[in-house]
């Protein structure tokens, strides 16, 4: 699992590091302090203090040497290391490594940063030593953070300041139970430092009609897989397989809309059905219920050079066994290899509850 998350970070970074243009960099160090949101009543006993920690980030600036940099208002990309003390004896502390992007607004004073990576917790669930930690069922976790900051660079020579709000999410995507996860809402304040003495000039080379772009309908076939465990702790990890077919229409250089259908074969759900049929006869589960599901979905794909961000909303049209509701969500990234083939990493969830981390390969025809 650790190897796969490292691959995810490499996919994100390949967008920028493939460039050989001269660049400049910044470093920022932020302290944060806040609260754990009670998104699930099962974690109420884990909220006993105000978590705090720090983030150390390296950012590589872009200046428009590639067209996509100009379309996205010259974003930054980089890496972030984060340490967070959860202020709870059962949760302990976590360390995380992320790949991130910075997007700028309001004359580059408002910065929106989004990062995805892998976290390590020192105190995961253990049925004997730490059975109260129902949030983290494994030492390795997936983690996502978003940051919205006011940022002023070069306020004192090469030093600047930034401050705002940060949200950090930790979850293992139901790879191993328990997995109620945590969401921390934090206030952050920090310093920035420009490594280079002077920034490069921004390029403005896009044609006036650059936004006028369209493509014919494209057809997508994606196969995804991974492992998951149901909510019964100790039931074991089982593989799942998803096969999807979708049609998309790209209406600008940035955006495409999708409509598709997919089949889910989830062996952990099969195990859950068998478990309930034996352990809880009062719930009226025979054990013969079909564990397969068929969904239909609509989605949006945001293209960033050879990488894209996907968001999808789905509904199970075939739903023989009631499991977490008929509506599902998916968020993820794609990395294109050439013009047709892509790799995908995504999280499928029902509301705030993750069902699976999906690793997929596909083709866009």
Foldseek 3Di string as FASTA:
>chain_A
DQVVQVVVLVLVCVLPVVDPDDWWKKKKKKKKKFFWDCPDVLCPLQTDGIKIWMKIWMWIWAFCPDVLCVVQVTKIKTKMWIKMARPGPQQGIKIWIWIKMWGADDVRQKIKMKTKGKMFTPHADDVPPRPSRQAHNDRIWIKMKIWIWGWDACPDQQKTKIWGKMKMWTFRLQQAGSHPTIITIITMIIMMGIPDNDGDHHDDDDDPCQFQDWDPKKKKWKKKKDWHADHPHPLDIDMKIKIKIWIWIAGGPFKIKIKIKMKIDHVNQLSVLCCCVPPPVPVVRPSPFDPMWMKIKMKMWTDRPQKIKIKIKIATPGDRDDDLHGIKIKIWMWGDDPDWKIWIWMWIARVSGTNGTITMIMTMD
